[in-house]
């Protein structure tokens, strides 16, 4: 976990990504900077469950950080000329100059990968109060993320470069899940409803009453695509 975090905080795109707004969940920092699912540390102090909780938090938070920063870095490297793809960058302006993209491209790319990994954007005045908000609306950012991501796909203000990357990523995500569902159906593990008008569309069915959802909050995007 420490090696992954060091790579994110001190790696090739560390400072430009921080400027652009890529979210980094700090396991040891103040509440506002933590993952919503692990706001409280109370359970971590209990004698029997403490160590298990700390391990679960470390794995979950590290995976989320790595996913959003690795995915963003892969896109940015494709924007760079081949001779600059391994070069570290100190500022977002340097990266903008090297790629020929705009600041909006980078801030919107950061917003897309934040939302795709469950970190929606709270309105400015509400964001500082997110820990208190979490007590009344559990994981508010996570709840908002699928709707904000869907809007970003169709929003006319989304830049062409980010819309293309977002659509490609979502189509790949939906395609892989559908492939797994079809393979399981062909092997006889489950049945699948393929009618997109049904609420059971693209869900694995076991008998009449048991369903397995591969999509989480992203099921409406699969239906839309």
Protein backbone atom coordinates (compact mmCIF):
# COMPACT_ATOMS: atom_id res chain seq x y z
CA UNK A 1 0.00 0.00 0.00
CA UNK A 2 2.82 2.42 0.86
CA UNK A 3 4.58 1.70 -2.45
CA UNK A 4 1.38 2.40 -4.40
CA UNK A 5 0.77 5.62 -2.46
CA UNK A 6 4.36 6.79 -2.97
CA UNK A 7 4.03 6.20 -6.73
CA UNK A 8 0.86 8.29 -6.81
CA UNK A 9 2.17 11.11 -4.61
CA UNK A 10 5.67 11.34 -6.09
CA UNK A 11 5.33 9.69 -9.51
CA UNK A 12 5.39 10.91 -13.11
CA UNK A 13 2.15 12.93 -13.01
CA UNK A 14 1.83 13.51 -9.24
CA UNK A 15 1.74 17.32 -9.19
CA UNK A 16 -0.19 17.85 -12.46
CA UNK A 17 -2.85 15.34 -11.37
CA UNK A 18 -3.19 17.06 -8.00
CA UNK A 19 -3.71 20.39 -9.83
CA UNK A 20 -6.24 18.81 -12.19
CA UNK A 21 -8.28 17.44 -9.30
CA UNK A 22 -7.64 13.68 -9.29
CA UNK A 23 -8.86 12.58 -5.88
CA UNK A 24 -6.46 10.90 -3.49
CA UNK A 25 -8.06 9.32 -0.43
CA UNK A 26 -5.79 9.84 2.55
CA UNK A 27 -6.21 6.93 4.98
CA UNK A 28 -4.50 8.83 7.78
CA UNK A 29 -5.68 12.36 7.05
CA UNK A 30 -8.67 14.48 8.12
CA UNK A 31 -12.22 13.22 7.52
CA UNK A 32 -12.82 15.37 4.44
CA UNK A 33 -10.01 13.60 2.60
CA UNK A 34 -11.02 10.04 3.44
CA UNK A 35 -13.17 7.54 1.62
CA UNK A 36 -16.82 7.92 2.62
CA UNK A 37 -17.12 4.23 3.53
CA UNK A 38 -14.42 4.63 6.21
CA UNK A 39 -15.15 8.04 7.77
CA UNK A 40 -15.06 6.79 11.37
CA UNK A 41 -12.10 5.14 13.06
CA UNK A 42 -14.10 3.91 16.05
CA UNK A 43 -14.31 0.28 14.90
CA UNK A 44 -10.57 0.29 14.26
CA UNK A 45 -9.99 0.77 17.98
CA UNK A 46 -11.97 -2.31 19.06
CA UNK A 47 -9.88 -5.24 20.38
CA UNK A 48 -11.15 -7.98 18.08
CA UNK A 49 -12.19 -6.22 14.87
CA UNK A 50 -9.61 -3.44 14.77
CA UNK A 51 -6.92 -5.19 12.75
CA UNK A 52 -9.39 -6.67 10.28
CA UNK A 53 -10.97 -3.25 9.77
CA UNK A 54 -7.60 -1.59 9.19
CA UNK A 55 -6.66 -4.21 6.60
CA UNK A 56 -10.00 -3.84 4.81
CA UNK A 57 -9.71 -0.05 4.78
CA UNK A 58 -6.12 -0.18 3.50
CA UNK A 59 -7.02 -2.56 0.65
CA UNK A 60 -10.17 -0.67 -0.39
CA UNK A 61 -8.67 2.82 -0.27
CA UNK A 62 -5.42 1.80 -1.98
CA UNK A 63 -7.27 0.02 -4.79
CA UNK A 64 -9.46 3.07 -5.42
CA UNK A 65 -6.51 5.46 -5.48
CA UNK A 66 -4.52 3.21 -7.78
CA UNK A 67 -7.44 2.64 -10.13
CA UNK A 68 -8.24 6.31 -10.76
CA UNK A 69 -4.63 7.46 -11.04
CA UNK A 70 -3.48 4.53 -13.20
CA UNK A 71 -6.43 4.92 -15.57
CA UNK A 72 -5.85 8.65 -15.83
CA UNK A 73 -2.14 8.18 -16.45
CA UNK A 74 -2.83 5.70 -19.27
CA UNK A 75 -5.03 8.27 -21.04
CA UNK A 76 -2.51 11.08 -20.58
CA UNK A 77 0.37 8.95 -21.91
CA UNK A 78 -1.66 8.36 -25.07
CA UNK A 79 -2.02 12.13 -25.41
CA UNK A 80 1.74 12.62 -25.15
CA UNK A 81 4.22 12.19 -28.03
CA UNK A 82 6.05 8.88 -27.79
CA UNK A 83 9.35 10.47 -26.81
CA UNK A 84 7.76 12.14 -23.74
CA UNK A 85 5.68 9.27 -22.37
CA UNK A 86 8.14 8.37 -19.61
CA UNK A 87 9.13 11.92 -18.71
CA UNK A 88 8.02 13.30 -15.31
CA UNK A 89 6.12 16.60 -15.27
CA UNK A 90 6.24 19.17 -12.50
CA UNK A 91 3.19 21.29 -13.32
CA UNK A 92 -0.11 20.97 -15.12
CA UNK A 93 0.94 23.78 -17.46
CA UNK A 94 3.95 21.71 -18.58
CA UNK A 95 1.66 18.76 -19.30
CA UNK A 96 -0.79 20.97 -21.20
CA UNK A 97 2.05 22.29 -23.36
CA UNK A 98 3.40 18.78 -24.05
CA UNK A 99 0.03 17.23 -24.98
CA UNK A 100 -1.57 20.16 -26.77
CA UNK A 101 -4.68 19.68 -24.64
CA UNK A 102 -6.47 22.31 -22.54
CA UNK A 103 -6.87 22.75 -18.80
CA UNK A 104 -10.53 21.77 -19.22
CA UNK A 105 -9.43 18.46 -20.77
CA UNK A 106 -7.43 17.61 -17.65
CA UNK A 107 -9.95 18.83 -15.06
CA UNK A 108 -12.77 16.99 -16.83
CA UNK A 109 -10.65 13.85 -17.18
CA UNK A 110 -10.00 13.97 -13.43
CA UNK A 111 -13.72 14.45 -12.75
CA UNK A 112 -14.58 11.50 -15.00
CA UNK A 113 -12.22 9.05 -13.27
CA UNK A 114 -13.18 10.35 -9.83
CA UNK A 115 -16.84 9.68 -10.64
CA UNK A 116 -16.11 6.35 -12.31
CA UNK A 117 -14.49 5.21 -9.05
CA UNK A 118 -17.33 6.49 -6.86
CA UNK A 119 -16.12 10.00 -6.03
CA UNK A 120 -18.89 12.32 -7.20
CA UNK A 121 -18.59 16.10 -7.02
CA UNK A 122 -20.46 17.92 -4.25
CA UNK A 123 -21.48 21.56 -4.87
CA UNK A 124 -18.87 24.05 -3.62
CA UNK A 125 -20.57 25.27 -0.41
CA UNK A 126 -21.51 21.70 0.59
CA UNK A 127 -18.14 20.03 -0.01
CA UNK A 128 -16.43 21.25 3.21
CA UNK A 129 -19.33 19.78 5.20
CA UNK A 130 -19.11 16.36 3.57
CA UNK A 131 -18.18 14.46 6.80
CA UNK A 132 -21.29 15.82 8.54
CA UNK A 133 -23.40 15.21 5.45
CA UNK A 134 -22.22 11.60 5.44
CA UNK A 135 -23.94 11.08 8.79
CA UNK A 136 -27.35 11.81 7.23
CA UNK A 137 -26.86 10.74 3.57
CA UNK A 138 -24.53 7.76 3.56
CA UNK A 139 -21.75 8.12 0.96
CA UNK A 140 -23.24 11.19 -0.74
CA UNK A 141 -20.42 11.45 -3.29
CA UNK A 142 -20.81 7.79 -4.22
CA UNK A 143 -24.58 8.20 -4.59
CA UNK A 144 -24.12 11.17 -6.92
CA UNK A 145 -21.31 9.68 -9.02
CA UNK A 146 -23.32 7.54 -11.52
CA UNK A 147 -25.68 10.42 -12.34
CA UNK A 148 -22.87 12.93 -12.73
CA UNK A 149 -20.89 10.51 -14.88
CA UNK A 150 -23.90 9.86 -17.14
CA UNK A 151 -24.45 13.61 -17.49
CA UNK A 152 -20.78 14.11 -18.32
CA UNK A 153 -21.14 11.71 -21.25
CA UNK A 154 -23.87 13.83 -22.86
CA UNK A 155 -23.08 17.30 -21.49
CA UNK A 156 -22.36 19.65 -24.44
CA UNK A 157 -19.66 21.34 -22.32
CA UNK A 158 -17.64 18.11 -22.08
CA UNK A 159 -14.55 18.46 -24.28
CA UNK A 160 -14.30 16.13 -27.31
CA UNK A 161 -11.12 14.48 -26.00
CA UNK A 162 -12.70 13.60 -22.65
CA UNK A 163 -16.04 12.53 -24.16
CA UNK A 164 -14.20 10.11 -26.47
CA UNK A 165 -12.19 8.61 -23.61
CA UNK A 166 -15.28 8.40 -21.38
CA UNK A 167 -17.38 6.67 -24.03
CA UNK A 168 -14.60 4.22 -24.86
CA UNK A 169 -14.11 3.35 -21.19
CA UNK A 170 -17.83 2.88 -20.52
CA UNK A 171 -18.32 0.77 -23.67
CA UNK A 172 -15.40 -1.46 -22.62
CA UNK A 173 -16.82 -1.77 -19.09
CA UNK A 174 -20.27 -2.72 -20.37
CA UNK A 175 -18.80 -5.06 -23.00
CA UNK A 176 -16.69 -7.01 -20.50
CA UNK A 177 -19.63 -7.44 -18.11
CA UNK A 178 -21.92 -8.61 -20.91
CA UNK A 179 -19.26 -11.06 -22.07
CA UNK A 180 -18.99 -12.53 -18.54
CA UNK A 181 -22.79 -12.77 -18.28
CA UNK A 182 -23.04 -14.51 -21.66
CA UNK A 183 -20.22 -16.92 -20.83
CA UNK A 184 -21.88 -17.86 -17.53
CA UNK A 185 -25.21 -18.35 -19.29
CA UNK A 186 -23.61 -20.56 -21.95
CA UNK A 187 -21.93 -22.65 -19.24
CA UNK A 188 -25.26 -23.10 -17.45
CA UNK A 189 -24.26 -21.18 -14.30
CA UNK A 190 -27.20 -18.79 -14.53
CA UNK A 191 -29.91 -17.38 -16.78
CA UNK A 192 -29.80 -13.82 -18.13
CA UNK A 193 -32.57 -11.42 -19.15
CA UNK A 194 -31.53 -9.73 -22.40
CA UNK A 195 -34.56 -7.46 -22.92
CA UNK A 196 -33.36 -3.91 -22.04
CA UNK A 197 -36.95 -2.93 -21.17
CA UNK A 198 -36.89 -5.33 -18.22
CA UNK A 199 -35.67 -4.32 -14.75
CA UNK A 200 -33.72 -7.61 -14.78
CA UNK A 201 -31.81 -6.71 -17.95
CA UNK A 202 -28.22 -8.02 -17.86
CA UNK A 203 -28.59 -9.53 -14.40
CA UNK A 204 -27.74 -13.14 -13.59
CA UNK A 205 -30.82 -15.09 -12.47
CA UNK A 206 -30.80 -18.20 -10.30
CA UNK A 207 -34.25 -19.76 -10.34
CA UNK A 208 -37.23 -17.47 -9.91
CA UNK A 209 -36.25 -15.30 -6.96
CA UNK A 210 -32.46 -14.90 -6.82
CA UNK A 211 -30.61 -12.22 -8.82
CA UNK A 212 -26.93 -11.28 -8.99
CA UNK A 213 -26.16 -7.73 -10.07
CA UNK A 214 -22.79 -7.19 -11.80
CA UNK A 215 -23.36 -3.46 -12.22
CA UNK A 216 -23.95 -1.75 -8.89
CA UNK A 217 -25.05 1.84 -9.56
CA UNK A 218 -23.94 1.64 -13.21
CA UNK A 219 -26.87 -0.50 -14.41
CA UNK A 220 -28.70 2.49 -16.00
CA UNK A 221 -25.59 3.23 -18.09
CA UNK A 222 -25.59 -0.35 -19.38
CA UNK A 223 -29.26 0.03 -20.34
CA UNK A 224 -28.55 3.37 -22.05
CA UNK A 225 -25.64 1.97 -24.07
